[in-house]
Amino acid sequence: MGVLPLQFREGDSAASLGLDGRERYTITGTAEAGPGATIEVTAVGETGQTTFETLCRLDSATDVEYYRAGGILTHVLRHLMHT
């Protein structure tokens, strides 16, 4: 947990974007991560660079809270330490 789930936008896929899984990725806009947010991803590979938009799949306020805490376990431990 504590992973930012991203989904390709309608019509995009790894194949259509020329991604083979060996790229280095830069993710921009994570501070705005939340339900319905658009997150920009830049992939740099052997054949060049491509930038594309993804849909953030933190679908609820609880998802955002867990993500910002670094995961559900970290969130629960912090809560227990403050009670």
PDB file of N, CA and C in Angstrom:
ATOM      1  N   MET A   1       0.842  -1.183   0.000  1.00  0.00           N
ATOM      2  CA  MET A   1       0.000   0.000   0.000  1.00  0.00           C
ATOM      3  C   MET A   1       0.878   1.234   0.000  1.00  0.00           C
ATOM      4  N   GLY A   2       0.274   2.365  -0.210  1.00  0.00           N
ATOM      5  CA  GLY A   2       1.026   3.586  -0.353  1.00  0.00           C
ATOM      6  C   GLY A   2       1.509   3.778  -1.783  1.00  0.00           C
ATOM      7  N   VAL A   3       0.937   2.994  -2.694  1.00  0.00           N
ATOM      8  CA  VAL A   3       1.279   3.069  -4.111  1.00  0.00           C
ATOM      9  C   VAL A   3       0.211   3.900  -4.816  1.00  0.00           C
ATOM     10  N   LEU A   4       0.637   4.788  -5.699  1.00  0.00           N
ATOM     11  CA  LEU A   4      -0.311   5.609  -6.446  1.00  0.00           C
ATOM     12  C   LEU A   4      -0.834   4.823  -7.647  1.00  0.00           C
ATOM     13  N   PRO A   5      -2.110   4.431  -7.616  1.00  0.00           N
ATOM     14  CA  PRO A   5      -2.662   3.677  -8.738  1.00  0.00           C
ATOM     15  C   PRO A   5      -3.035   4.612  -9.889  1.00  0.00           C
ATOM     16  N   LEU A   6      -2.481   4.334 -11.071  1.00  0.00           N
ATOM     17  CA  LEU A   6      -2.762   5.124 -12.258  1.00  0.00           C
ATOM     18  C   LEU A   6      -3.337   4.227 -13.345  1.00  0.00           C
ATOM     19  N   GLN A   7      -4.231   4.782 -14.132  1.00  0.00           N
ATOM     20  CA  GLN A   7      -4.865   4.030 -15.216  1.00  0.00           C
ATOM     21  C   GLN A   7      -4.659   4.800 -16.513  1.00  0.00           C
ATOM     22  N   PHE A   8      -4.358   4.076 -17.588  1.00  0.00           N
ATOM     23  CA  PHE A   8      -4.264   4.724 -18.891  1.00  0.00           C
ATOM     24  C   PHE A   8      -5.592   5.391 -19.220  1.00  0.00           C
ATOM     25  N   ARG A   9      -5.540   6.504 -19.925  1.00  0.00           N
ATOM     26  CA  ARG A   9      -6.751   7.185 -20.381  1.00  0.00           C
ATOM     27  C   ARG A   9      -7.373   6.371 -21.519  1.00  0.00           C
ATOM     28  N   GLU A  10      -8.635   6.619 -21.757  1.00  0.00           N
ATOM     29  CA  GLU A  10      -9.373   5.944 -22.826  1.00  0.00           C
ATOM     30  C   GLU A  10      -8.584   6.029 -24.130  1.00  0.00           C
ATOM     31  N   GLY A  11      -8.348   4.897 -24.753  1.00  0.00           N
ATOM     32  CA  GLY A  11      -7.644   4.841 -26.027  1.00  0.00           C
ATOM     33  C   GLY A  11      -6.143   4.655 -25.914  1.00  0.00           C
ATOM     34  N   ASP A  12      -5.582   4.861 -24.725  1.00  0.00           N
ATOM     35  CA  ASP A  12      -4.145   4.654 -24.520  1.00  0.00           C
ATOM     36  C   ASP A  12      -3.889   3.261 -23.959  1.00  0.00           C
ATOM     37  N   SER A  13      -2.723   2.731 -24.272  1.00  0.00           N
ATOM     38  CA  SER A  13      -2.273   1.456 -23.712  1.00  0.00           C
ATOM     39  C   SER A  13      -0.747   1.454 -23.789  1.00  0.00           C
ATOM     40  N   ALA A  14      -0.134   0.500 -23.131  1.00  0.00           N
ATOM     41  CA  ALA A  14       1.317   0.383 -23.209  1.00  0.00           C
ATOM     42  C   ALA A  14       1.741   0.233 -24.671  1.00  0.00           C
ATOM     43  N   ALA A  15       1.027  -0.573 -25.413  1.00  0.00           N
ATOM     44  CA  ALA A  15       1.372  -0.803 -26.824  1.00  0.00           C
ATOM     45  C   ALA A  15       1.201   0.470 -27.650  1.00  0.00           C
ATOM     46  N   SER A  16       0.084   1.169 -27.473  1.00  0.00           N
ATOM     47  CA  SER A  16      -0.157   2.367 -28.291  1.00  0.00           C
ATOM     48  C   SER A  16       0.827   3.483 -27.975  1.00  0.00           C
ATOM     49  N   LEU A  17       1.368   3.496 -26.758  1.00  0.00           N
ATOM     50  CA  LEU A  17       2.332   4.515 -26.351  1.00  0.00           C
ATOM     51  C   LEU A  17       3.778   4.068 -26.602  1.00  0.00           C
ATOM     52  N   GLY A  18       3.952   2.836 -27.060  1.00  0.00           N
ATOM     53  CA  GLY A  18       5.289   2.319 -27.361  1.00  0.00           C
ATOM     54  C   GLY A  18       6.094   1.965 -26.123  1.00  0.00           C
ATOM     55  N   LEU A  19       5.413   1.588 -25.050  1.00  0.00           N
ATOM     56  CA  LEU A  19       6.083   1.238 -23.798  1.00  0.00           C
ATOM     57  C   LEU A  19       6.347  -0.263 -23.744  1.00  0.00           C
ATOM     58  N   ASP A  20       7.553  -0.632 -23.283  1.00  0.00           N
ATOM     59  CA  ASP A  20       7.859  -2.060 -23.175  1.00  0.00           C
ATOM     60  C   ASP A  20       8.189  -2.489 -21.746  1.00  0.00           C
ATOM     61  N   GLY A  21       8.102  -1.562 -20.776  1.00  0.00           N
ATOM     62  CA  GLY A  21       8.338  -1.905 -19.374  1.00  0.00           C
ATOM     63  C   GLY A  21       9.763  -1.678 -18.908  1.00  0.00           C
ATOM     64  N   ARG A  22      10.644  -1.275 -19.799  1.00  0.00           N
ATOM     65  CA  ARG A  22      12.028  -1.032 -19.413  1.00  0.00           C
ATOM     66  C   ARG A  22      12.338   0.462 -19.278  1.00  0.00           C
ATOM     67  N   GLU A  23      11.333   1.292 -19.376  1.00  0.00           N
ATOM     68  CA  GLU A  23      11.521   2.731 -19.314  1.00  0.00           C
ATOM     69  C   GLU A  23      11.749   3.202 -17.873  1.00  0.00           C
ATOM     70  N   ARG A  24      12.254   4.412 -17.756  1.00  0.00           N
ATOM     71  CA  ARG A  24      12.317   5.113 -16.473  1.00  0.00           C
ATOM     72  C   ARG A  24      11.176   6.117 -16.498  1.00  0.00           C
ATOM     73  N   TYR A  25      10.420   6.193 -15.397  1.00  0.00           N
ATOM     74  CA  TYR A  25       9.210   7.003 -15.364  1.00  0.00           C
ATOM     75  C   TYR A  25       9.355   8.169 -14.393  1.00  0.00           C
ATOM     76  N   THR A  26       8.845   9.310 -14.812  1.00  0.00           N
ATOM     77  CA  THR A  26       8.717  10.476 -13.951  1.00  0.00           C
ATOM     78  C   THR A  26       7.233  10.799 -13.877  1.00  0.00           C
ATOM     79  N   ILE A  27       6.724  10.883 -12.662  1.00  0.00           N
ATOM     80  CA  ILE A  27       5.304  11.136 -12.448  1.00  0.00           C
ATOM     81  C   ILE A  27       5.171  12.544 -11.874  1.00  0.00           C
ATOM     82  N   THR A  28       4.378  13.380 -12.546  1.00  0.00           N
ATOM     83  CA  THR A  28       4.214  14.779 -12.179  1.00  0.00           C
ATOM     84  C   THR A  28       2.783  15.023 -11.706  1.00  0.00           C
ATOM     85  N   GLY A  29       2.638  15.814 -10.663  1.00  0.00           N
ATOM     86  CA  GLY A  29       1.302  16.193 -10.206  1.00  0.00           C
ATOM     87  C   GLY A  29       0.756  15.348  -9.083  1.00  0.00           C
ATOM     88  N   THR A  30       1.626  14.636  -8.381  1.00  0.00           N
ATOM     89  CA  THR A  30       1.133  13.753  -7.315  1.00  0.00           C
ATOM     90  C   THR A  30       0.549  14.524  -6.136  1.00  0.00           C
ATOM     91  N   ALA A  31       0.911  15.783  -5.977  1.00  0.00           N
ATOM     92  CA  ALA A  31       0.339  16.577  -4.880  1.00  0.00           C
ATOM     93  C   ALA A  31      -1.157  16.759  -5.072  1.00  0.00           C
ATOM     94  N   GLU A  32      -1.606  16.715  -6.318  1.00  0.00           N
ATOM     95  CA  GLU A  32      -3.029  16.872  -6.622  1.00  0.00           C
ATOM     96  C   GLU A  32      -3.756  15.530  -6.710  1.00  0.00           C
ATOM     97  N   ALA A  33      -3.077  14.444  -6.362  1.00  0.00           N
ATOM     98  CA  ALA A  33      -3.665  13.109  -6.489  1.00  0.00           C
ATOM     99  C   ALA A  33      -4.949  13.011  -5.682  1.00  0.00           C
ATOM    100  N   GLY A  34      -5.993  12.571  -6.340  1.00  0.00           N
ATOM    101  CA  GLY A  34      -7.287  12.398  -5.699  1.00  0.00           C
ATOM    102  C   GLY A  34      -8.287  11.919  -6.733  1.00  0.00           C
ATOM    103  N   PRO A  35      -9.525  11.724  -6.319  1.00  0.00           N
ATOM    104  CA  PRO A  35     -10.549  11.217  -7.231  1.00  0.00           C
ATOM    105  C   PRO A  35     -10.668  12.078  -8.495  1.00  0.00           C
ATOM    106  N   GLY A  36     -10.517  11.445  -9.644  1.00  0.00           N
ATOM    107  CA  GLY A  36     -10.692  12.117 -10.925  1.00  0.00           C
ATOM    108  C   GLY A  36      -9.516  12.950 -11.398  1.00  0.00           C
ATOM    109  N   ALA A  37      -8.433  12.996 -10.644  1.00  0.00           N
ATOM    110  CA  ALA A  37      -7.278  13.820 -11.022  1.00  0.00           C
ATOM    111  C   ALA A  37      -6.563  13.236 -12.227  1.00  0.00           C
ATOM    112  N   THR A  38      -5.979  14.124 -13.021  1.00  0.00           N
ATOM    113  CA  THR A  38      -5.141  13.726 -14.139  1.00  0.00           C
ATOM    114  C   THR A  38      -3.691  13.848 -13.703  1.00  0.00           C
ATOM    115  N   ILE A  39      -2.929  12.791 -13.891  1.00  0.00           N
ATOM    116  CA  ILE A  39      -1.527  12.750 -13.496  1.00  0.00           C
ATOM    117  C   ILE A  39      -0.689  12.545 -14.759  1.00  0.00           C
ATOM    118  N   GLU A  40       0.321  13.392 -14.942  1.00  0.00           N
ATOM    119  CA  GLU A  40       1.183  13.301 -16.116  1.00  0.00           C
ATOM    120  C   GLU A  40       2.350  12.349 -15.850  1.00  0.00           C
ATOM    121  N   VAL A  41       2.636  11.521 -16.826  1.00  0.00           N
ATOM    122  CA  VAL A  41       3.733  10.559 -16.733  1.00  0.00           C
ATOM    123  C   VAL A  41       4.643  10.753 -17.946  1.00  0.00           C
ATOM    124  N   THR A  42       5.941  10.798 -17.689  1.00  0.00           N
ATOM    125  CA  THR A  42       6.927  10.834 -18.766  1.00  0.00           C
ATOM    126  C   THR A  42       7.748   9.561 -18.679  1.00  0.00           C
ATOM    127  N   ALA A  43       7.819   8.850 -19.785  1.00  0.00           N
ATOM    128  CA  ALA A  43       8.587   7.606 -19.863  1.00  0.00           C
ATOM    129  C   ALA A  43       9.778   7.827 -20.782  1.00  0.00           C
ATOM    130  N   VAL A  44      10.964   7.466 -20.304  1.00  0.00           N
ATOM    131  CA  VAL A  44      12.175   7.588 -21.104  1.00  0.00           C
ATOM    132  C   VAL A  44      12.742   6.185 -21.287  1.00  0.00           C
ATOM    133  N   GLY A  45      12.884   5.797 -22.542  1.00  0.00           N
ATOM    134  CA  GLY A  45      13.415   4.477 -22.857  1.00  0.00           C
ATOM    135  C   GLY A  45      14.496   4.551 -23.908  1.00  0.00           C
ATOM    136  N   GLU A  46      14.879   3.410 -24.379  1.00  0.00           N
ATOM    137  CA  GLU A  46      15.943   3.327 -25.378  1.00  0.00           C
ATOM    138  C   GLU A  46      15.573   4.041 -26.679  1.00  0.00           C
ATOM    139  N   THR A  47      14.293   4.082 -26.997  1.00  0.00           N
ATOM    140  CA  THR A  47      13.858   4.677 -28.265  1.00  0.00           C
ATOM    141  C   THR A  47      13.424   6.131 -28.123  1.00  0.00           C
ATOM    142  N   GLY A  48      13.556   6.711 -26.927  1.00  0.00           N
ATOM    143  CA  GLY A  48      13.193   8.111 -26.742  1.00  0.00           C
ATOM    144  C   GLY A  48      12.293   8.334 -25.544  1.00  0.00           C
ATOM    145  N   GLN A  49      11.585   9.441 -25.606  1.00  0.00           N
ATOM    146  CA  GLN A  49      10.753   9.886 -24.480  1.00  0.00           C
ATOM    147  C   GLN A  49       9.322  10.091 -24.955  1.00  0.00           C
ATOM    148  N   THR A  50       8.364   9.728 -24.100  1.00  0.00           N
ATOM    149  CA  THR A  50       6.964  10.000 -24.376  1.00  0.00           C
ATOM    150  C   THR A  50       6.300  10.477 -23.102  1.00  0.00           C
ATOM    151  N   THR A  51       5.417  11.452 -23.236  1.00  0.00           N
ATOM    152  CA  THR A  51       4.670  11.975 -22.101  1.00  0.00           C
ATOM    153  C   THR A  51       3.189  11.734 -22.359  1.00  0.00           C
ATOM    154  N   PHE A  52       2.488  11.270 -21.348  1.00  0.00           N
ATOM    155  CA  PHE A  52       1.074  10.966 -21.499  1.00  0.00           C
ATOM    156  C   PHE A  52       0.347  11.226 -20.185  1.00  0.00           C
ATOM    157  N   GLU A  53      -0.961  11.380 -20.273  1.00  0.00           N
ATOM    158  CA  GLU A  53      -1.778  11.611 -19.091  1.00  0.00           C
ATOM    159  C   GLU A  53      -2.417  10.312 -18.639  1.00  0.00           C
ATOM    160  N   THR A  54      -2.547  10.175 -17.325  1.00  0.00           N
ATOM    161  CA  THR A  54      -3.210   9.012 -16.743  1.00  0.00           C
ATOM    162  C   THR A  54      -4.302   9.487 -15.799  1.00  0.00           C
ATOM    163  N   LEU A  55      -5.182   8.597 -15.444  1.00  0.00           N
ATOM    164  CA  LEU A  55      -6.248   8.871 -14.499  1.00  0.00           C
ATOM    165  C   LEU A  55      -5.839   8.335 -13.130  1.00  0.00           C
ATOM    166  N   CYS A  56      -5.873   9.190 -12.128  1.00  0.00           N
ATOM    167  CA  CYS A  56      -5.568   8.772 -10.759  1.00  0.00           C
ATOM    168  C   CYS A  56      -6.713   7.914 -10.237  1.00  0.00           C
ATOM    169  N   ARG A  57      -6.405   6.738  -9.714  1.00  0.00           N
ATOM    170  CA  ARG A  57      -7.441   5.828  -9.214  1.00  0.00           C
ATOM    171  C   ARG A  57      -7.493   5.784  -7.699  1.00  0.00           C
ATOM    172  N   LEU A  58      -7.207   6.918  -7.062  1.00  0.00           N
ATOM    173  CA  LEU A  58      -7.565   7.080  -5.658  1.00  0.00           C
ATOM    174  C   LEU A  58      -9.012   7.559  -5.712  1.00  0.00           C
ATOM    175  N   ASP A  59      -9.946   6.656  -5.497  1.00  0.00           N
ATOM    176  CA  ASP A  59     -11.344   6.924  -5.813  1.00  0.00           C
ATOM    177  C   ASP A  59     -12.180   7.453  -4.654  1.00  0.00           C
ATOM    178  N   SER A  60     -11.593   7.598  -3.480  1.00  0.00           N
ATOM    179  CA  SER A  60     -12.348   8.107  -2.341  1.00  0.00           C
ATOM    180  C   SER A  60     -11.428   8.919  -1.432  1.00  0.00           C
ATOM    181  N   ALA A  61     -12.024   9.660  -0.530  1.00  0.00           N
ATOM    182  CA  ALA A  61     -11.241  10.430   0.437  1.00  0.00           C
ATOM    183  C   ALA A  61     -10.393   9.496   1.303  1.00  0.00           C
ATOM    184  N   THR A  62     -10.912   8.322   1.609  1.00  0.00           N
ATOM    185  CA  THR A  62     -10.163   7.341   2.410  1.00  0.00           C
ATOM    186  C   THR A  62      -8.936   6.854   1.641  1.00  0.00           C
ATOM    187  N   ASP A  63      -9.097   6.586   0.338  1.00  0.00           N
ATOM    188  CA  ASP A  63      -7.953   6.185  -0.488  1.00  0.00           C
ATOM    189  C   ASP A  63      -6.864   7.252  -0.438  1.00  0.00           C
ATOM    190  N   VAL A  64      -7.247   8.519  -0.559  1.00  0.00           N
ATOM    191  CA  VAL A  64      -6.292   9.629  -0.537  1.00  0.00           C
ATOM    192  C   VAL A  64      -5.596   9.690   0.815  1.00  0.00           C
ATOM    193  N   GLU A  65      -6.350   9.542   1.882  1.00  0.00           N
ATOM    194  CA  GLU A  65      -5.787   9.573   3.235  1.00  0.00           C
ATOM    195  C   GLU A  65      -4.745   8.477   3.425  1.00  0.00           C
ATOM    196  N   TYR A  66      -5.059   7.268   3.000  1.00  0.00           N
ATOM    197  CA  TYR A  66      -4.115   6.153   3.120  1.00  0.00           C
ATOM    198  C   TYR A  66      -2.867   6.406   2.271  1.00  0.00           C
ATOM    199  N   TYR A  67      -3.065   6.899   1.056  1.00  0.00           N
ATOM    200  CA  TYR A  67      -1.927   7.185   0.160  1.00  0.00           C
ATOM    201  C   TYR A  67      -1.002   8.226   0.780  1.00  0.00           C
ATOM    202  N   ARG A  68      -1.574   9.313   1.265  1.00  0.00           N
ATOM    203  CA  ARG A  68      -0.759  10.391   1.837  1.00  0.00           C
ATOM    204  C   ARG A  68      -0.030   9.944   3.113  1.00  0.00           C
ATOM    205  N   ALA A  69      -0.587   8.966   3.808  1.00  0.00           N
ATOM    206  CA  ALA A  69       0.060   8.437   5.014  1.00  0.00           C
ATOM    207  C   ALA A  69       1.165   7.436   4.679  1.00  0.00           C
ATOM    208  N   GLY A  70       1.241   7.012   3.428  1.00  0.00           N
ATOM    209  CA  GLY A  70       2.246   6.023   3.034  1.00  0.00           C
ATOM    210  C   GLY A  70       1.702   4.610   3.046  1.00  0.00           C
ATOM    211  N   GLY A  71       0.403   4.468   3.186  1.00  0.00           N
ATOM    212  CA  GLY A  71      -0.245   3.158   3.180  1.00  0.00           C
ATOM    213  C   GLY A  71      -1.144   2.995   4.386  1.00  0.00           C
ATOM    214  N   ILE A  72      -1.982   1.979   4.345  1.00  0.00           N
ATOM    215  CA  ILE A  72      -2.953   1.766   5.416  1.00  0.00           C
ATOM    216  C   ILE A  72      -2.267   1.395   6.738  1.00  0.00           C
ATOM    217  N   LEU A  73      -1.211   0.593   6.670  1.00  0.00           N
ATOM    218  CA  LEU A  73      -0.523   0.192   7.896  1.00  0.00           C
ATOM    219  C   LEU A  73       0.075   1.407   8.593  1.00  0.00           C
ATOM    220  N   THR A  74       0.752   2.260   7.843  1.00  0.00           N
ATOM    221  CA  THR A  74       1.335   3.472   8.421  1.00  0.00           C
ATOM    222  C   THR A  74       0.245   4.355   9.006  1.00  0.00           C
ATOM    223  N   HIS A  75      -0.872   4.467   8.308  1.00  0.00           N
ATOM    224  CA  HIS A  75      -1.996   5.271   8.784  1.00  0.00           C
ATOM    225  C   HIS A  75      -2.507   4.739  10.124  1.00  0.00           C
ATOM    226  N   VAL A  76      -2.708   3.454  10.209  1.00  0.00           N
ATOM    227  CA  VAL A  76      -3.221   2.841  11.444  1.00  0.00           C
ATOM    228  C   VAL A  76      -2.234   3.003  12.587  1.00  0.00           C
ATOM    229  N   LEU A  77      -0.954   2.771  12.311  1.00  0.00           N
ATOM    230  CA  LEU A  77       0.073   2.915  13.370  1.00  0.00           C
ATOM    231  C   LEU A  77       0.132   4.356  13.879  1.00  0.00           C
ATOM    232  N   ARG A  78       0.080   5.325  12.982  1.00  0.00           N
ATOM    233  CA  ARG A  78       0.082   6.731  13.419  1.00  0.00           C
ATOM    234  C   ARG A  78      -1.141   7.033  14.274  1.00  0.00           C
ATOM    235  N   HIS A  79      -2.284   6.503  13.872  1.00  0.00           N
ATOM    236  CA  HIS A  79      -3.503   6.716  14.641  1.00  0.00           C
ATOM    237  C   HIS A  79      -3.381   6.102  16.029  1.00  0.00           C
ATOM    238  N   LEU A  80      -2.831   4.907  16.124  1.00  0.00           N
ATOM    239  CA  LEU A  80      -2.675   4.239  17.425  1.00  0.00           C
ATOM    240  C   LEU A  80      -1.695   4.988  18.329  1.00  0.00           C
ATOM    241  N   MET A  81      -0.670   5.598  17.750  1.00  0.00           N
ATOM    242  CA  MET A  81       0.315   6.334  18.526  1.00  0.00           C
ATOM    243  C   MET A  81      -0.254   7.625  19.105  1.00  0.00           C
ATOM    244  N   HIS A  82      -1.320   8.150  18.488  1.00  0.00           N
ATOM    245  CA  HIS A  82      -1.898   9.422  18.918  1.00  0.00           C
ATOM    246  C   HIS A  82      -3.165   9.232  19.748  1.00  0.00           C
ATOM    247  N   THR A  83      -3.462   8.015  20.140  1.00  0.00           N
ATOM    248  CA  THR A  83      -4.656   7.802  20.972  1.00  0.00           C
ATOM    249  C   THR A  83      -4.271   7.353  22.366  1.00  0.00           C
TER     250      THR A  83
END
